[in-house]
Structure formats: structure tokens, C-alpha cells
């Protein structure tokens, strides 16, 4: 499993644990259900603002959503910096 796949799985699991549908979460974070689906299937990676909004909506910490092992970090330097900041 890659970093992005584990992130997607964590988001999906947290949403289900919160008893929400993709539509519920989408409405709370201001996107479409299709966008949530893309996050949950690792076809799109949420930015930090979206991650923060999801964390609040799901009642889960960012640490719970972000994989603990950075084994397959994104190659975009800005994303890597963001994940380094979250972990500190």
C-alpha cells in the first residue's frame, strides 16, 4: 500500500466511523461527493486546508488521518513540506 492509498483508506474509515455518507462529508467541507470519492480511492490527494476541514468534520485528528510511515511521499516539494510540518 502506498502513502496516498493509506491516506485514502484512513479518510474512508474515519467517514464511516462518523456515520457519514460521502455526500454528508462533501457538504460539510464544501466540495462534491465525487471529490470525496476521488480522495477515498487515492485518485486525488487533498490539500492541507481540505485535510483540516475533513479532520474537523469527522471529529478525527490530522494525525489519525495521515499515515504514520512516510514510505511513499508525494514528489511535489510543497506537499512534502506540508506533511513534514504536520508531523512536527
C-alpha atoms as a PDB file:
ATOM      1  CA  UNK A   1       0.000   0.000   0.000  1.00  0.00           C
ATOM      2  CA  UNK A   2       1.311   3.468  -0.851  1.00  0.00           C
ATOM      3  CA  UNK A   3       1.128   6.568   1.315  1.00  0.00           C
ATOM      4  CA  UNK A   4      -1.732   8.005  -0.760  1.00  0.00           C
ATOM      5  CA  UNK A   5      -3.653   4.702  -0.657  1.00  0.00           C
ATOM      6  CA  UNK A   6      -3.334   4.538   3.129  1.00  0.00           C
ATOM      7  CA  UNK A   7      -4.409   8.169   3.439  1.00  0.00           C
ATOM      8  CA  UNK A   8      -7.449   7.376   1.284  1.00  0.00           C
ATOM      9  CA  UNK A   9      -8.280   4.363   3.434  1.00  0.00           C
ATOM     10  CA  UNK A  10      -7.939   6.389   6.642  1.00  0.00           C
ATOM     11  CA  UNK A  11     -10.290   9.072   5.312  1.00  0.00           C
ATOM     12  CA  UNK A  12     -12.849   6.469   4.244  1.00  0.00           C
ATOM     13  CA  UNK A  13     -12.629   4.622   7.568  1.00  0.00           C
ATOM     14  CA  UNK A  14     -12.994   7.846   9.583  1.00  0.00           C
ATOM     15  CA  UNK A  15     -16.005   8.900   7.493  1.00  0.00           C
ATOM     16  CA  UNK A  16     -17.706   5.558   8.019  1.00  0.00           C
ATOM     17  CA  UNK A  17     -16.879   5.591  11.750  1.00  0.00           C
ATOM     18  CA  UNK A  18     -18.517   9.021  11.942  1.00  0.00           C
ATOM     19  CA  UNK A  19     -21.645   7.569  10.307  1.00  0.00           C
ATOM     20  CA  UNK A  20     -21.434   9.880   7.310  1.00  0.00           C
ATOM     21  CA  UNK A  21     -22.001   9.350   3.630  1.00  0.00           C
ATOM     22  CA  UNK A  22     -19.691  10.834   1.043  1.00  0.00           C
ATOM     23  CA  UNK A  23     -22.433  13.392   0.370  1.00  0.00           C
ATOM     24  CA  UNK A  24     -22.561  14.356   4.055  1.00  0.00           C
ATOM     25  CA  UNK A  25     -18.804  14.900   4.206  1.00  0.00           C
ATOM     26  CA  UNK A  26     -18.762  16.749   0.885  1.00  0.00           C
ATOM     27  CA  UNK A  27     -21.416  19.172   2.096  1.00  0.00           C
ATOM     28  CA  UNK A  28     -19.507  19.826   5.330  1.00  0.00           C
ATOM     29  CA  UNK A  29     -16.208  20.571   3.578  1.00  0.00           C
ATOM     30  CA  UNK A  30     -17.637  22.432   0.589  1.00  0.00           C
ATOM     31  CA  UNK A  31     -16.932  20.037  -2.260  1.00  0.00           C
ATOM     32  CA  UNK A  32     -18.820  17.463  -4.300  1.00  0.00           C
ATOM     33  CA  UNK A  33     -19.448  13.814  -3.366  1.00  0.00           C
ATOM     34  CA  UNK A  34     -17.383  12.902  -6.437  1.00  0.00           C
ATOM     35  CA  UNK A  35     -14.438  14.823  -4.999  1.00  0.00           C
ATOM     36  CA  UNK A  36     -14.710  12.887  -1.700  1.00  0.00           C
ATOM     37  CA  UNK A  37     -14.820   9.686  -3.749  1.00  0.00           C
ATOM     38  CA  UNK A  38     -11.596  10.692  -5.502  1.00  0.00           C
ATOM     39  CA  UNK A  39      -9.933  11.268  -2.111  1.00  0.00           C
ATOM     40  CA  UNK A  40     -11.150   7.906  -0.812  1.00  0.00           C
ATOM     41  CA  UNK A  41      -9.940   5.995  -3.852  1.00  0.00           C
ATOM     42  CA  UNK A  42      -6.500   7.642  -3.911  1.00  0.00           C
ATOM     43  CA  UNK A  43      -7.106   9.259  -7.279  1.00  0.00           C
ATOM     44  CA  UNK A  44      -6.787  12.747  -5.815  1.00  0.00           C
ATOM     45  CA  UNK A  45      -4.897  13.979  -2.782  1.00  0.00           C
ATOM     46  CA  UNK A  46      -6.499  16.623  -0.549  1.00  0.00           C
ATOM     47  CA  UNK A  47      -4.541  19.768   0.249  1.00  0.00           C
ATOM     48  CA  UNK A  48      -3.827  20.846   3.823  1.00  0.00           C
ATOM     49  CA  UNK A  49      -6.883  23.109   4.042  1.00  0.00           C
ATOM     50  CA  UNK A  50      -9.149  20.288   2.910  1.00  0.00           C
ATOM     51  CA  UNK A  51      -7.448  17.844   5.293  1.00  0.00           C
ATOM     52  CA  UNK A  52      -8.067  20.261   8.166  1.00  0.00           C
ATOM     53  CA  UNK A  53     -11.723  20.659   7.199  1.00  0.00           C
ATOM     54  CA  UNK A  54     -12.146  16.863   6.927  1.00  0.00           C
ATOM     55  CA  UNK A  55     -10.474  16.385  10.298  1.00  0.00           C
ATOM     56  CA  UNK A  56     -12.910  18.804  11.936  1.00  0.00           C
ATOM     57  CA  UNK A  57     -15.954  17.402  10.145  1.00  0.00           C
ATOM     58  CA  UNK A  58     -15.066  13.816  11.045  1.00  0.00           C
ATOM     59  CA  UNK A  59     -14.010  14.559  14.601  1.00  0.00           C
ATOM     60  CA  UNK A  60     -10.643  12.952  13.892  1.00  0.00           C
ATOM     61  CA  UNK A  61      -7.180  14.401  14.376  1.00  0.00           C
ATOM     62  CA  UNK A  62      -4.933  15.034  11.398  1.00  0.00           C
ATOM     63  CA  UNK A  63      -2.558  12.506  12.936  1.00  0.00           C
ATOM     64  CA  UNK A  64      -5.291   9.870  12.735  1.00  0.00           C
ATOM     65  CA  UNK A  65      -5.868  10.558   9.045  1.00  0.00           C
ATOM     66  CA  UNK A  66      -2.263  10.867   7.883  1.00  0.00           C
ATOM     67  CA  UNK A  67      -0.304   7.609   7.634  1.00  0.00           C
ATOM     68  CA  UNK A  68       2.412   7.296  10.245  1.00  0.00           C
ATOM     69  CA  UNK A  69       5.003   5.933   7.826  1.00  0.00           C
ATOM     70  CA  UNK A  70       6.026   8.362   5.039  1.00  0.00           C
ATOM     71  CA  UNK A  71       7.106   5.482   2.814  1.00  0.00           C
ATOM     72  CA  UNK A  72       5.772   6.816  -0.472  1.00  0.00           C
ATOM     73  CA  UNK A  73       5.696  10.558  -0.040  1.00  0.00           C
ATOM     74  CA  UNK A  74       4.456  12.785  -2.858  1.00  0.00           C
ATOM     75  CA  UNK A  75       7.170  14.117  -5.116  1.00  0.00           C
ATOM     76  CA  UNK A  76       5.781  17.654  -5.094  1.00  0.00           C
ATOM     77  CA  UNK A  77       8.130  19.580  -2.764  1.00  0.00           C
ATOM     78  CA  UNK A  78       5.278  21.741  -1.427  1.00  0.00           C
ATOM     79  CA  UNK A  79       3.289  18.674  -0.372  1.00  0.00           C
ATOM     80  CA  UNK A  80       6.332  17.100   1.263  1.00  0.00           C
ATOM     81  CA  UNK A  81       6.916  20.291   3.279  1.00  0.00           C
ATOM     82  CA  UNK A  82       3.287  20.329   4.386  1.00  0.00           C
ATOM     83  CA  UNK A  83       3.448  16.736   5.606  1.00  0.00           C
ATOM     84  CA  UNK A  84       6.713  17.441   7.435  1.00  0.00           C
ATOM     85  CA  UNK A  85       5.045  20.368   9.211  1.00  0.00           C
ATOM     86  CA  UNK A  86       2.039  18.277  10.221  1.00  0.00           C
ATOM     87  CA  UNK A  87       4.262  15.623  11.769  1.00  0.00           C
ATOM     88  CA  UNK A  88       6.173  18.140  13.949  1.00  0.00           C
END
